[in-house]
Amino acid sequence: GVALGAWPQVAMEASELWVGFVGAGRMAGGLVRGLLQAGKVPASNILASAPSDKNLDAWRELGCRTTHCNLEVVHRSTLVFLATKPHILPGVLEEIRPAVGSHHIVVSLVAGVTIQTLQRLLPPWTKVLRIMPNLPCVVQAGAMVFSRGSNAGDEEAALLKSLLSSCGLCEEVPESYIDIHTGLSGSGVAYVYLFAEALAEGAVKMGMPGALASRIAAQTLLGAAKMLLETGEHPAKLRGDVCTPGGTTIYALHQLEKGALRATVMDAVEAATNRACDMAKD
């Protein structure tokens, strides 16, 4: 590792973990906020690069260091997150390749780029992991999955998991699940927003003011999700518990079944997953 100026020799302890971000967009910003709020890594140990200052200003406000030089990020970090747009990544990998050493852990957030591709474009010994976050990482309620390349061992996987658990749910999975996660969770937050909007509009139709209806709809979703996670019950069991014989809920559920809600949502997850697979092939 090249120690430059005031940057000490890199070590594996989290307090001495030097974290770099190549690319400083929305997703990277969400992850870094999670790490900082959990106190996992001090802001002064984080360095981010981007071509312009547009995104970097927000990082400076958080107390992170910034640069326009991708190579500087690699030189000064042990754990390097790749967070560029997919079409830019091959050029970035070519640029940073000479600086990547056996002490580096390279974690890609880039959609549609396989571990195989990352390993081919980086030195053969590189410890590579691939992670797929989702937008609620920004509020520490993300759902992330990650997979490891052939040189990344249990130590690297444990480090990544302990860091990212501060951003939400974090599970290690086979790489083939990453496209499914994209359809279920990455895109899935948008299906939930659509559902929340529809719930609130139903209440507006019945005479409740829109802002109030939206807040109650959001809290209803949050509460339902929390019960699912904390009880570990099957959703069908919890749903059954709400349905009193002859009560309001079963009348409503009958309408949802008529509208084929379940089949439609299954189709949505399938369509997004297939699209993610297609994008990976391009």
Protein backbone atom coordinates (compact mmCIF):
# COMPACT_ATOMS: atom_id res chain seq x y z
CA GLY A 1 0.00 0.00 0.00
CA VAL A 2 1.25 3.48 -0.82
CA ALA A 3 1.00 5.74 2.21
CA LEU A 4 0.78 9.33 1.06
CA GLY A 5 1.25 12.32 3.32
CA ALA A 6 -0.87 12.11 6.45
CA TRP A 7 -2.48 8.83 5.44
CA PRO A 8 -1.03 6.08 7.62
CA GLN A 9 -0.29 2.57 6.40
CA VAL A 10 -3.62 0.81 5.93
CA ALA A 11 -4.79 -1.72 8.52
CA MET A 12 -7.82 -4.01 8.72
CA GLU A 13 -9.29 -2.68 12.01
CA ALA A 14 -12.45 -0.72 11.27
CA SER A 15 -11.10 2.34 13.10
CA GLU A 16 -8.15 2.22 10.71
CA LEU A 17 -10.17 1.31 7.67
CA TRP A 18 -9.57 3.67 4.77
CA VAL A 19 -12.61 3.68 2.53
CA GLY A 20 -12.69 5.01 -1.03
CA PHE A 21 -15.57 5.66 -3.39
CA VAL A 22 -14.94 5.86 -7.13
CA GLY A 23 -18.11 7.64 -8.17
CA ALA A 24 -20.11 9.78 -5.75
CA GLY A 25 -23.73 9.54 -6.90
CA ARG A 26 -26.92 8.88 -5.02
CA MET A 27 -26.35 5.23 -4.10
CA ALA A 28 -22.79 5.81 -2.90
CA GLY A 29 -24.06 8.78 -0.90
CA GLY A 30 -26.69 6.61 0.75
CA LEU A 31 -24.13 4.01 1.77
CA VAL A 32 -21.70 6.57 3.14
CA ARG A 33 -24.43 8.20 5.24
CA GLY A 34 -25.23 4.80 6.74
CA LEU A 35 -21.58 4.15 7.58
CA LEU A 36 -21.18 7.59 9.16
CA GLN A 37 -24.41 7.51 11.16
CA ALA A 38 -23.49 4.11 12.58
CA GLY A 39 -20.05 5.47 13.50
CA LYS A 40 -18.43 2.61 11.58
CA VAL A 41 -15.83 4.74 9.82
CA PRO A 42 -14.80 8.34 10.63
CA ALA A 43 -15.54 10.81 7.82
CA SER A 44 -11.85 11.76 7.65
CA ASN A 45 -11.07 8.15 6.60
CA ILE A 46 -13.34 8.39 3.55
CA LEU A 47 -12.22 9.66 0.16
CA ALA A 48 -14.54 10.02 -2.84
CA SER A 49 -13.80 10.86 -6.46
CA ALA A 50 -16.03 12.22 -9.19
CA PRO A 51 -15.32 14.15 -12.40
CA SER A 52 -17.08 17.36 -11.28
CA ASP A 53 -17.79 19.05 -7.95
CA LYS A 54 -21.57 18.70 -8.45
CA ASN A 55 -21.85 15.54 -6.30
CA LEU A 56 -18.71 16.04 -4.22
CA ASP A 57 -19.99 19.14 -2.40
CA ALA A 58 -22.41 16.99 -0.38
CA TRP A 59 -19.54 14.68 0.64
CA ARG A 60 -17.44 17.61 1.82
CA GLU A 61 -20.34 18.77 3.98
CA LEU A 62 -20.31 15.34 5.64
CA GLY A 63 -16.59 15.81 6.42
CA CYS A 64 -15.31 13.34 3.82
CA ARG A 65 -12.28 14.03 1.66
CA THR A 66 -12.79 14.44 -2.08
CA THR A 67 -10.69 14.38 -5.25
CA HIS A 68 -11.10 14.34 -9.01
CA CYS A 69 -8.52 11.58 -9.33
CA ASN A 70 -9.69 7.94 -9.26
CA LEU A 71 -6.13 6.69 -8.83
CA GLU A 72 -5.72 8.76 -5.68
CA VAL A 73 -8.74 6.98 -4.19
CA VAL A 74 -7.16 3.58 -4.83
CA HIS A 75 -3.77 4.64 -3.48
CA ARG A 76 -5.30 5.93 -0.26
CA SER A 77 -7.88 3.23 0.51
CA THR A 78 -8.03 -0.41 1.49
CA LEU A 79 -11.73 -0.82 0.80
CA VAL A 80 -12.71 0.64 -2.57
CA PHE A 81 -16.36 0.96 -3.63
CA LEU A 82 -16.95 1.23 -7.37
CA ALA A 83 -20.06 3.36 -7.89
CA THR A 84 -19.88 4.62 -11.47
CA LYS A 85 -22.43 4.31 -14.26
CA PRO A 86 -22.14 0.89 -15.99
CA HIS A 87 -20.89 2.26 -19.34
CA ILE A 88 -18.07 4.20 -17.64
CA LEU A 89 -16.81 1.29 -15.55
CA PRO A 90 -14.52 -0.51 -18.05
CA GLY A 91 -12.53 2.70 -18.63
CA VAL A 92 -12.29 3.34 -14.88
CA LEU A 93 -11.08 -0.21 -14.22
CA GLU A 94 -8.42 0.16 -16.91
CA GLU A 95 -7.27 3.41 -15.26
CA ILE A 96 -7.09 2.08 -11.67
CA ARG A 97 -5.82 -1.42 -12.52
CA PRO A 98 -2.09 -0.59 -12.08
CA ALA A 99 -2.74 0.72 -8.54
CA VAL A 100 -4.77 -2.25 -7.26
CA GLY A 101 -2.76 -4.39 -4.84
CA SER A 102 -3.38 -7.64 -2.99
CA HIS A 103 -4.33 -5.66 0.15
CA HIS A 104 -7.27 -3.98 -1.60
CA ILE A 105 -10.88 -5.08 -1.28
CA VAL A 106 -12.87 -3.90 -4.31
CA VAL A 107 -16.66 -3.76 -3.92
CA SER A 108 -18.76 -2.98 -7.00
CA LEU A 109 -22.23 -1.40 -6.73
CA VAL A 110 -22.47 -1.16 -10.52
CA ALA A 111 -25.66 -2.70 -11.89
CA GLY A 112 -25.34 -5.34 -14.59
CA VAL A 113 -21.58 -5.89 -14.29
CA THR A 114 -20.75 -9.46 -13.26
CA ILE A 115 -18.01 -10.57 -10.88
CA GLN A 116 -16.46 -12.41 -13.83
CA THR A 117 -16.16 -9.15 -15.78
CA LEU A 118 -14.74 -7.30 -12.76
CA GLN A 119 -12.14 -10.04 -12.20
CA ARG A 120 -11.20 -10.03 -15.86
CA LEU A 121 -10.60 -6.26 -15.91
CA LEU A 122 -8.68 -6.15 -12.59
CA PRO A 123 -5.44 -7.91 -11.59
CA PRO A 124 -5.95 -11.69 -11.11
CA TRP A 125 -5.38 -11.59 -7.35
CA THR A 126 -7.93 -8.85 -6.64
CA LYS A 127 -10.43 -9.49 -3.85
CA VAL A 128 -13.71 -8.59 -5.56
CA LEU A 129 -17.22 -8.47 -4.12
CA ARG A 130 -20.40 -7.32 -5.81
CA ILE A 131 -23.24 -5.66 -3.96
CA MET A 132 -26.70 -4.56 -4.97
CA PRO A 133 -28.20 -1.97 -2.62
CA ASN A 134 -31.54 -0.18 -2.87
CA LEU A 135 -32.50 3.45 -2.32
CA PRO A 136 -33.74 3.22 1.32
CA CYS A 137 -30.07 2.72 2.28
CA VAL A 138 -30.21 6.53 2.37
CA VAL A 139 -32.40 6.29 5.51
CA GLN A 140 -30.62 3.20 6.94
CA ALA A 141 -33.52 0.93 5.97
CA GLY A 142 -31.96 -0.56 2.86
CA ALA A 143 -32.09 -4.12 1.62
CA MET A 144 -28.77 -5.25 0.17
CA VAL A 145 -27.38 -8.48 -1.15
CA PHE A 146 -23.76 -9.22 -1.96
CA SER A 147 -21.71 -11.98 -3.56
CA ARG A 148 -18.00 -12.63 -3.40
CA GLY A 149 -15.50 -13.31 -6.15
CA SER A 150 -13.01 -16.18 -6.08
CA ASN A 151 -10.34 -14.32 -4.05
CA ALA A 152 -12.64 -12.76 -1.45
CA GLY A 153 -12.70 -14.90 1.68
CA ASP A 154 -14.74 -15.07 4.86
CA GLU A 155 -12.82 -12.16 6.38
CA GLU A 156 -13.73 -9.80 3.52
CA ALA A 157 -17.35 -10.97 3.49
CA ALA A 158 -17.62 -10.46 7.28
CA LEU A 159 -16.07 -6.99 7.04
CA LEU A 160 -18.48 -5.92 4.29
CA LYS A 161 -21.46 -7.37 6.15
CA SER A 162 -20.56 -5.66 9.43
CA LEU A 163 -20.11 -2.31 7.66
CA LEU A 164 -23.26 -2.52 5.58
CA SER A 165 -25.56 -3.82 8.30
CA SER A 166 -25.55 -0.17 9.41
CA CYS A 167 -27.42 0.64 6.19
CA GLY A 168 -30.16 -1.97 6.60
CA LEU A 169 -30.68 -5.67 5.87
CA CYS A 170 -27.57 -7.22 4.32
CA GLU A 171 -27.43 -10.82 3.09
CA GLU A 172 -24.78 -12.82 1.24
CA VAL A 173 -26.29 -14.63 -1.77
CA PRO A 174 -25.22 -16.52 -4.90
CA GLU A 175 -24.60 -14.03 -7.71
CA SER A 176 -27.57 -15.36 -9.70
CA TYR A 177 -29.90 -13.84 -7.06
CA ILE A 178 -28.63 -10.31 -7.70
CA ASP A 179 -30.88 -9.73 -10.73
CA ILE A 180 -33.84 -11.11 -8.75
CA HIS A 181 -33.01 -8.76 -5.88
CA THR A 182 -33.04 -5.90 -8.41
CA GLY A 183 -36.58 -6.86 -9.48
CA LEU A 184 -37.80 -7.50 -5.94
CA SER A 185 -36.11 -4.74 -3.98
CA GLY A 186 -34.13 -2.35 -6.17
CA SER A 187 -37.17 -1.63 -8.35
CA GLY A 188 -39.61 -2.88 -5.72
CA VAL A 189 -39.56 0.32 -3.69
CA ALA A 190 -41.28 1.98 -6.67
CA TYR A 191 -44.10 -0.62 -6.61
CA VAL A 192 -44.60 0.18 -2.94
CA TYR A 193 -44.74 3.93 -3.67
CA LEU A 194 -47.40 3.26 -6.30
CA PHE A 195 -49.38 1.21 -3.78
CA ALA A 196 -49.01 3.93 -1.11
CA GLU A 197 -50.24 6.53 -3.58
CA ALA A 198 -53.28 4.39 -4.45
CA LEU A 199 -54.10 3.79 -0.76
CA ALA A 200 -54.04 7.52 -0.06
CA GLU A 201 -56.12 8.31 -3.14
CA GLY A 202 -58.78 5.86 -1.95
CA ALA A 203 -59.00 7.76 1.33
CA VAL A 204 -59.12 11.11 -0.50
CA LYS A 205 -62.02 9.76 -2.58
CA MET A 206 -63.84 8.99 0.68
CA GLY A 207 -63.25 12.50 2.03
CA MET A 208 -59.91 12.56 3.91
CA PRO A 209 -57.39 15.35 3.10
CA GLY A 210 -54.53 14.16 0.88
CA ALA A 211 -51.56 15.07 3.12
CA LEU A 212 -53.08 13.26 6.10
CA ALA A 213 -54.03 10.24 3.98
CA SER A 214 -50.46 10.02 2.63
CA ARG A 215 -48.93 10.09 6.12
CA ILE A 216 -51.30 7.42 7.40
CA ALA A 217 -50.68 5.25 4.31
CA ALA A 218 -46.91 5.49 4.79
CA GLN A 219 -47.13 4.63 8.49
CA THR A 220 -49.43 1.70 7.64
CA LEU A 221 -46.80 0.29 5.26
CA LEU A 222 -44.04 0.83 7.81
CA GLY A 223 -46.01 -0.88 10.56
CA ALA A 224 -46.96 -3.84 8.37
CA ALA A 225 -43.34 -4.33 7.26
CA LYS A 226 -42.07 -4.08 10.84
CA MET A 227 -44.54 -6.75 11.97
CA LEU A 228 -43.42 -9.04 9.14
CA LEU A 229 -39.76 -8.65 10.09
CA GLU A 230 -40.21 -8.83 13.85
CA THR A 231 -42.71 -11.69 14.08
CA GLY A 232 -41.15 -13.75 11.28
CA GLU A 233 -44.68 -14.93 10.45
CA HIS A 234 -45.80 -15.80 6.93
CA PRO A 235 -47.60 -12.78 5.41
CA ALA A 236 -50.71 -14.91 4.84
CA LYS A 237 -50.93 -15.63 8.58
CA LEU A 238 -50.71 -11.94 9.50
CA ARG A 239 -53.23 -11.08 6.80
CA GLY A 240 -55.62 -13.70 8.16
CA ASP A 241 -55.30 -12.19 11.63
CA VAL A 242 -56.66 -8.87 10.33
CA CYS A 243 -59.69 -10.46 8.64
CA THR A 244 -62.62 -10.71 11.05
CA PRO A 245 -65.47 -12.85 9.68
CA GLY A 246 -67.87 -10.54 7.83
CA GLY A 247 -65.67 -7.52 8.65
CA THR A 248 -64.33 -4.63 6.59
CA THR A 249 -61.02 -6.19 5.56
CA ILE A 250 -62.36 -9.25 3.78
CA TYR A 251 -64.65 -7.03 1.68
CA ALA A 252 -61.60 -5.01 0.63
CA LEU A 253 -59.45 -8.10 -0.05
CA HIS A 254 -62.18 -9.48 -2.32
CA GLN A 255 -61.79 -6.37 -4.51
CA LEU A 256 -57.98 -6.76 -4.57
CA GLU A 257 -58.35 -10.40 -5.66
CA LYS A 258 -60.75 -9.33 -8.44
CA GLY A 259 -58.09 -6.88 -9.60
CA ALA A 260 -55.52 -9.74 -9.60
CA LEU A 261 -53.18 -7.78 -7.33
CA ARG A 262 -50.96 -10.78 -6.57
CA ALA A 263 -50.55 -11.95 -10.16
CA THR A 264 -49.85 -8.39 -11.29
CA VAL A 265 -47.14 -7.87 -8.67
CA MET A 266 -45.55 -11.24 -9.52
CA ASP A 267 -45.51 -10.16 -13.18
CA ALA A 268 -43.85 -6.88 -12.18
CA VAL A 269 -41.03 -8.62 -10.28
CA GLU A 270 -40.56 -10.99 -13.24
CA ALA A 271 -40.43 -8.13 -15.77
CA ALA A 272 -37.86 -6.13 -13.77
CA THR A 273 -35.72 -9.24 -13.14
CA ASN A 274 -35.72 -10.12 -16.85
CA ARG A 275 -34.80 -6.55 -17.74
CA ALA A 276 -31.90 -6.66 -15.27
CA CYS A 277 -30.70 -9.89 -16.91
CA ASP A 278 -30.91 -8.32 -20.38
CA MET A 279 -28.95 -5.26 -19.27
CA ALA A 280 -26.19 -7.47 -17.92
CA LYS A 281 -25.82 -9.12 -21.34
CA ASP A 282 -25.33 -5.86 -23.26
